[in-house]
Amino acid sequence: MFVFLSFLGMLNASSTDKLLNEPNFTTIRESYKKALSNNKSISQLKKQTDAFPKSGLALAYNATAWALMARESSWIPDKLDYASKANEFLNKSVQLDPNNLEIRFLRFSFQCNSPDMLGYKTHLKQDKEYLIKNTPPNHPLKDIMKAYFQKCACISASEKKTLLNLLDAS
């Protein structure tokens, strides 16, 4: 009996350790949503994503924090540095998890909105194709994705319609 209880204790400690070392993506997504419209929330997103080992998705959200910092910075050298980090980390996150739609959306939205002169638009076509083929209904970022696709300049009207229909499918 003691051996069994000890084993259960080890399992419980192991799962607790695992939970402490893995990001809570529900919380991170909420921070991301806030950071999109509230500059004061960007640092919270950055802190949350700095705190975890870098899985593909954690790295993508960390990159997104860098991108939002670049958007808000008024000092050009910082703006360029932050954007460079965002691009680098987003590309690495896709390498770590190439079939993650959320990562592809985050990279697509960053690259679409980056200035042409920076040369960061290198994966727009492949990410757009991936999103069109794989966007599920009821994704955790559904509302953000819908709002983004409606005004996105990097997709055609028919592609917008397709993506919006995919997000609204039951």
C-alpha atoms as a PDB file:
ATOM      1  CA  MET A   1       0.000   0.000   0.000  1.00  0.00           C
ATOM      2  CA  PHE A   2       2.790   2.446   0.879  1.00  0.00           C
ATOM      3  CA  VAL A   3       4.485   1.806  -2.480  1.00  0.00           C
ATOM      4  CA  PHE A   4       1.229   2.503  -4.300  1.00  0.00           C
ATOM      5  CA  LEU A   5       0.654   5.764  -2.386  1.00  0.00           C
ATOM      6  CA  SER A   6       4.255   6.821  -3.023  1.00  0.00           C
ATOM      7  CA  PHE A   7       3.756   6.134  -6.728  1.00  0.00           C
ATOM      8  CA  LEU A   8       0.586   8.256  -6.729  1.00  0.00           C
ATOM      9  CA  GLY A   9       2.490  11.030  -4.958  1.00  0.00           C
ATOM     10  CA  MET A  10       5.201  10.913  -7.625  1.00  0.00           C
ATOM     11  CA  LEU A  11       2.593  11.094 -10.383  1.00  0.00           C
ATOM     12  CA  ASN A  12       0.904  14.037  -8.718  1.00  0.00           C
ATOM     13  CA  ALA A  13       4.205  15.896  -8.192  1.00  0.00           C
ATOM     14  CA  SER A  14       5.233  15.149 -11.767  1.00  0.00           C
ATOM     15  CA  SER A  15       1.989  16.487 -13.225  1.00  0.00           C
ATOM     16  CA  THR A  16       2.164  19.553 -10.959  1.00  0.00           C
ATOM     17  CA  ASP A  17       5.727  20.260 -12.127  1.00  0.00           C
ATOM     18  CA  LYS A  18       4.621  19.848 -15.723  1.00  0.00           C
ATOM     19  CA  LEU A  19       1.732  22.280 -15.237  1.00  0.00           C
ATOM     20  CA  LEU A  20       4.064  24.850 -13.694  1.00  0.00           C
ATOM     21  CA  ASN A  21       6.476  24.587 -16.624  1.00  0.00           C
ATOM     22  CA  GLU A  22       3.915  24.825 -19.418  1.00  0.00           C
ATOM     23  CA  PRO A  23       2.189  27.985 -20.477  1.00  0.00           C
ATOM     24  CA  ASN A  24      -1.524  28.456 -19.986  1.00  0.00           C
ATOM     25  CA  PHE A  25      -2.509  29.380 -23.521  1.00  0.00           C
ATOM     26  CA  THR A  26      -6.004  30.446 -22.494  1.00  0.00           C
ATOM     27  CA  THR A  27      -4.435  33.131 -20.300  1.00  0.00           C
ATOM     28  CA  ILE A  28      -1.848  34.019 -22.940  1.00  0.00           C
ATOM     29  CA  ARG A  29      -4.555  34.372 -25.604  1.00  0.00           C
ATOM     30  CA  GLU A  30      -6.483  36.711 -23.317  1.00  0.00           C
ATOM     31  CA  SER A  31      -3.337  38.785 -22.776  1.00  0.00           C
ATOM     32  CA  TYR A  32      -2.778  38.843 -26.538  1.00  0.00           C
ATOM     33  CA  LYS A  33      -6.329  40.073 -27.130  1.00  0.00           C
ATOM     34  CA  LYS A  34      -5.828  42.855 -24.577  1.00  0.00           C
ATOM     35  CA  ALA A  35      -2.405  43.782 -25.960  1.00  0.00           C
ATOM     36  CA  LEU A  36      -3.809  44.298 -29.453  1.00  0.00           C
ATOM     37  CA  SER A  37      -5.734  47.347 -28.280  1.00  0.00           C
ATOM     38  CA  ASN A  38      -4.108  48.302 -24.973  1.00  0.00           C
ATOM     39  CA  ASN A  39      -0.420  49.210 -25.082  1.00  0.00           C
ATOM     40  CA  LYS A  40      -0.075  48.707 -21.332  1.00  0.00           C
ATOM     41  CA  SER A  41      -0.947  45.016 -21.777  1.00  0.00           C
ATOM     42  CA  ILE A  42       1.957  44.326 -24.146  1.00  0.00           C
ATOM     43  CA  SER A  43       4.466  44.010 -21.292  1.00  0.00           C
ATOM     44  CA  GLN A  44       2.165  41.522 -19.546  1.00  0.00           C
ATOM     45  CA  LEU A  45       2.083  39.337 -22.676  1.00  0.00           C
ATOM     46  CA  LYS A  46       5.870  39.593 -22.982  1.00  0.00           C
ATOM     47  CA  LYS A  47       6.412  38.611 -19.325  1.00  0.00           C
ATOM     48  CA  GLN A  48       4.026  35.675 -19.600  1.00  0.00           C
ATOM     49  CA  THR A  49       5.754  34.292 -22.664  1.00  0.00           C
ATOM     50  CA  ASP A  50       9.298  34.981 -21.431  1.00  0.00           C
ATOM     51  CA  ALA A  51       8.602  32.771 -18.415  1.00  0.00           C
ATOM     52  CA  PHE A  52       8.217  29.477 -20.283  1.00  0.00           C
ATOM     53  CA  PRO A  53      10.372  27.104 -22.267  1.00  0.00           C
ATOM     54  CA  LYS A  54       9.921  27.897 -25.879  1.00  0.00           C
ATOM     55  CA  SER A  55       7.457  25.559 -27.499  1.00  0.00           C
ATOM     56  CA  GLY A  56       6.452  26.686 -30.961  1.00  0.00           C
ATOM     57  CA  LEU A  57       3.269  28.367 -29.750  1.00  0.00           C
ATOM     58  CA  ALA A  58       4.885  30.005 -26.703  1.00  0.00           C
ATOM     59  CA  LEU A  59       7.638  31.355 -28.959  1.00  0.00           C
ATOM     60  CA  ALA A  60       5.044  32.656 -31.450  1.00  0.00           C
ATOM     61  CA  TYR A  61       3.257  34.602 -28.725  1.00  0.00           C
ATOM     62  CA  ASN A  62       6.589  35.914 -27.448  1.00  0.00           C
ATOM     63  CA  ALA A  63       7.355  37.024 -31.006  1.00  0.00           C
ATOM     64  CA  THR A  64       3.971  38.697 -31.175  1.00  0.00           C
ATOM     65  CA  ALA A  65       4.804  40.649 -28.014  1.00  0.00           C
ATOM     66  CA  TRP A  66       8.006  41.813 -29.733  1.00  0.00           C
ATOM     67  CA  ALA A  67       5.956  42.791 -32.812  1.00  0.00           C
ATOM     68  CA  LEU A  68       3.530  44.803 -30.701  1.00  0.00           C
ATOM     69  CA  MET A  69       6.451  46.496 -28.961  1.00  0.00           C
ATOM     70  CA  ALA A  70       7.806  47.414 -32.411  1.00  0.00           C
ATOM     71  CA  ARG A  71       4.421  48.809 -33.415  1.00  0.00           C
ATOM     72  CA  GLU A  72       4.313  51.044 -30.341  1.00  0.00           C
ATOM     73  CA  SER A  73       7.935  52.167 -30.225  1.00  0.00           C
ATOM     74  CA  SER A  74       8.667  55.666 -31.458  1.00  0.00           C
ATOM     75  CA  TRP A  75      12.457  55.170 -31.438  1.00  0.00           C
ATOM     76  CA  ILE A  76      13.386  53.820 -34.892  1.00  0.00           C
ATOM     77  CA  PRO A  77      16.392  51.698 -33.784  1.00  0.00           C
ATOM     78  CA  ASP A  78      14.219  49.969 -31.154  1.00  0.00           C
ATOM     79  CA  LYS A  79      11.356  49.569 -33.615  1.00  0.00           C
ATOM     80  CA  LEU A  80      13.674  47.828 -36.100  1.00  0.00           C
ATOM     81  CA  ASP A  81      15.280  45.654 -33.410  1.00  0.00           C
ATOM     82  CA  TYR A  82      11.914  44.539 -32.007  1.00  0.00           C
ATOM     83  CA  ALA A  83      10.542  43.803 -35.483  1.00  0.00           C
ATOM     84  CA  SER A  84      13.647  41.795 -36.351  1.00  0.00           C
ATOM     85  CA  LYS A  85      13.253  39.698 -33.191  1.00  0.00           C
ATOM     86  CA  ALA A  86       9.554  39.189 -33.921  1.00  0.00           C
ATOM     87  CA  ASN A  87      10.279  37.986 -37.438  1.00  0.00           C
ATOM     88  CA  GLU A  88      13.094  35.685 -36.313  1.00  0.00           C
ATOM     89  CA  PHE A  89      11.032  34.139 -33.495  1.00  0.00           C
ATOM     90  CA  LEU A  90       7.922  33.707 -35.656  1.00  0.00           C
ATOM     91  CA  ASN A  91       9.928  31.891 -38.320  1.00  0.00           C
ATOM     92  CA  LYS A  92      11.538  29.684 -35.676  1.00  0.00           C
ATOM     93  CA  SER A  93       8.133  28.919 -34.125  1.00  0.00           C
ATOM     94  CA  VAL A  94       6.865  27.684 -37.505  1.00  0.00           C
ATOM     95  CA  GLN A  95       9.965  25.494 -37.802  1.00  0.00           C
ATOM     96  CA  LEU A  96       9.203  24.019 -34.368  1.00  0.00           C
ATOM     97  CA  ASP A  97       5.511  23.430 -35.126  1.00  0.00           C
ATOM     98  CA  PRO A  98       4.763  23.843 -38.854  1.00  0.00           C
ATOM     99  CA  ASN A  99       1.218  22.486 -38.636  1.00  0.00           C
ATOM    100  CA  ASN A 100      -0.014  24.856 -35.950  1.00  0.00           C
ATOM    101  CA  LEU A 101      -2.653  27.138 -37.437  1.00  0.00           C
ATOM    102  CA  GLU A 102      -2.373  29.652 -34.612  1.00  0.00           C
ATOM    103  CA  ILE A 103       1.357  30.100 -35.218  1.00  0.00           C
ATOM    104  CA  ARG A 104       0.746  30.480 -38.946  1.00  0.00           C
ATOM    105  CA  PHE A 105      -1.924  33.124 -38.293  1.00  0.00           C
ATOM    106  CA  LEU A 106       0.370  35.083 -35.963  1.00  0.00           C
ATOM    107  CA  ARG A 107       3.214  35.023 -38.506  1.00  0.00           C
ATOM    108  CA  PHE A 108       0.886  35.888 -41.391  1.00  0.00           C
ATOM    109  CA  SER A 109      -0.592  38.886 -39.572  1.00  0.00           C
ATOM    110  CA  PHE A 110       2.865  40.163 -38.609  1.00  0.00           C
ATOM    111  CA  GLN A 111       4.335  39.761 -42.072  1.00  0.00           C
ATOM    112  CA  CYS A 112       1.305  41.241 -43.807  1.00  0.00           C
ATOM    113  CA  ASN A 113       1.528  44.379 -41.675  1.00  0.00           C
ATOM    114  CA  SER A 114       5.305  44.770 -41.863  1.00  0.00           C
ATOM    115  CA  PRO A 115       6.712  47.416 -44.208  1.00  0.00           C
ATOM    116  CA  ASP A 116       7.876  46.021 -47.555  1.00  0.00           C
ATOM    117  CA  MET A 117      11.339  47.560 -47.127  1.00  0.00           C
ATOM    118  CA  LEU A 118      12.075  45.243 -44.177  1.00  0.00           C
ATOM    119  CA  GLY A 119      11.789  42.137 -46.362  1.00  0.00           C
ATOM    120  CA  TYR A 120       9.696  40.169 -43.848  1.00  0.00           C
ATOM    121  CA  LYS A 121       6.910  39.165 -46.235  1.00  0.00           C
ATOM    122  CA  THR A 122       8.676  36.009 -47.385  1.00  0.00           C
ATOM    123  CA  HIS A 123       6.101  33.519 -46.062  1.00  0.00           C
ATOM    124  CA  LEU A 124       2.865  35.347 -46.806  1.00  0.00           C
ATOM    125  CA  LYS A 125       1.828  33.131 -49.703  1.00  0.00           C
ATOM    126  CA  GLN A 126       2.505  29.819 -47.965  1.00  0.00           C
ATOM    127  CA  ASP A 127       0.895  30.948 -44.703  1.00  0.00           C
ATOM    128  CA  LYS A 128      -2.156  32.267 -46.554  1.00  0.00           C
ATOM    129  CA  GLU A 129      -2.523  28.939 -48.379  1.00  0.00           C
ATOM    130  CA  TYR A 130      -2.139  27.062 -45.101  1.00  0.00           C
ATOM    131  CA  LEU A 131      -4.793  29.213 -43.416  1.00  0.00           C
ATOM    132  CA  ILE A 132      -7.225  28.775 -46.305  1.00  0.00           C
ATOM    133  CA  LYS A 133      -6.796  24.985 -46.254  1.00  0.00           C
ATOM    134  CA  ASN A 134      -6.799  24.480 -42.484  1.00  0.00           C
ATOM    135  CA  THR A 135      -8.817  27.143 -40.666  1.00  0.00           C
ATOM    136  CA  PRO A 136     -11.363  25.396 -38.432  1.00  0.00           C
ATOM    137  CA  PRO A 137     -14.602  26.836 -37.107  1.00  0.00           C
ATOM    138  CA  ASN A 138     -14.617  27.877 -33.472  1.00  0.00           C
ATOM    139  CA  HIS A 139     -10.879  28.430 -33.153  1.00  0.00           C
ATOM    140  CA  PRO A 140      -9.888  30.113 -29.836  1.00  0.00           C
ATOM    141  CA  LEU A 141      -8.857  33.215 -31.828  1.00  0.00           C
ATOM    142  CA  LYS A 142     -11.963  33.152 -34.028  1.00  0.00           C
ATOM    143  CA  ASP A 143     -13.075  36.709 -33.219  1.00  0.00           C
ATOM    144  CA  ILE A 144      -9.603  38.160 -33.738  1.00  0.00           C
ATOM    145  CA  MET A 145      -9.106  36.201 -36.937  1.00  0.00           C
ATOM    146  CA  LYS A 146     -12.477  37.303 -38.331  1.00  0.00           C
ATOM    147  CA  ALA A 147     -11.802  40.961 -37.559  1.00  0.00           C
ATOM    148  CA  TYR A 148      -8.319  40.701 -39.030  1.00  0.00           C
ATOM    149  CA  PHE A 149      -9.359  38.920 -42.228  1.00  0.00           C
ATOM    150  CA  GLN A 150     -12.166  41.425 -42.857  1.00  0.00           C
ATOM    151  CA  LYS A 151      -9.695  44.285 -43.201  1.00  0.00           C
ATOM    152  CA  CYS A 152      -6.585  42.381 -44.316  1.00  0.00           C
ATOM    153  CA  ALA A 153      -4.943  43.847 -47.423  1.00  0.00           C
ATOM    154  CA  CYS A 154      -2.928  40.676 -48.095  1.00  0.00           C
ATOM    155  CA  ILE A 155      -5.897  38.543 -49.128  1.00  0.00           C
ATOM    156  CA  SER A 156      -8.363  38.909 -51.960  1.00  0.00           C
ATOM    157  CA  ALA A 157     -12.105  39.363 -51.536  1.00  0.00           C
ATOM    158  CA  SER A 158     -12.747  35.725 -52.434  1.00  0.00           C
ATOM    159  CA  GLU A 159     -10.075  34.546 -49.978  1.00  0.00           C
ATOM    160  CA  LYS A 160     -11.658  36.711 -47.270  1.00  0.00           C
ATOM    161  CA  LYS A 161     -15.023  35.149 -47.985  1.00  0.00           C
ATOM    162  CA  THR A 162     -13.534  31.639 -47.819  1.00  0.00           C
ATOM    163  CA  LEU A 163     -11.732  32.299 -44.527  1.00  0.00           C
ATOM    164  CA  LEU A 164     -14.745  33.965 -42.921  1.00  0.00           C
ATOM    165  CA  ASN A 165     -16.993  31.100 -44.028  1.00  0.00           C
ATOM    166  CA  LEU A 166     -14.538  28.580 -42.557  1.00  0.00           C
ATOM    167  CA  LEU A 167     -14.532  30.372 -39.223  1.00  0.00           C
ATOM    168  CA  ASP A 168     -18.338  30.516 -39.173  1.00  0.00           C
ATOM    169  CA  ALA A 169     -18.955  26.886 -40.231  1.00  0.00           C
ATOM    170  CA  SER A 170     -20.689  24.724 -37.658  1.00  0.00           C
END
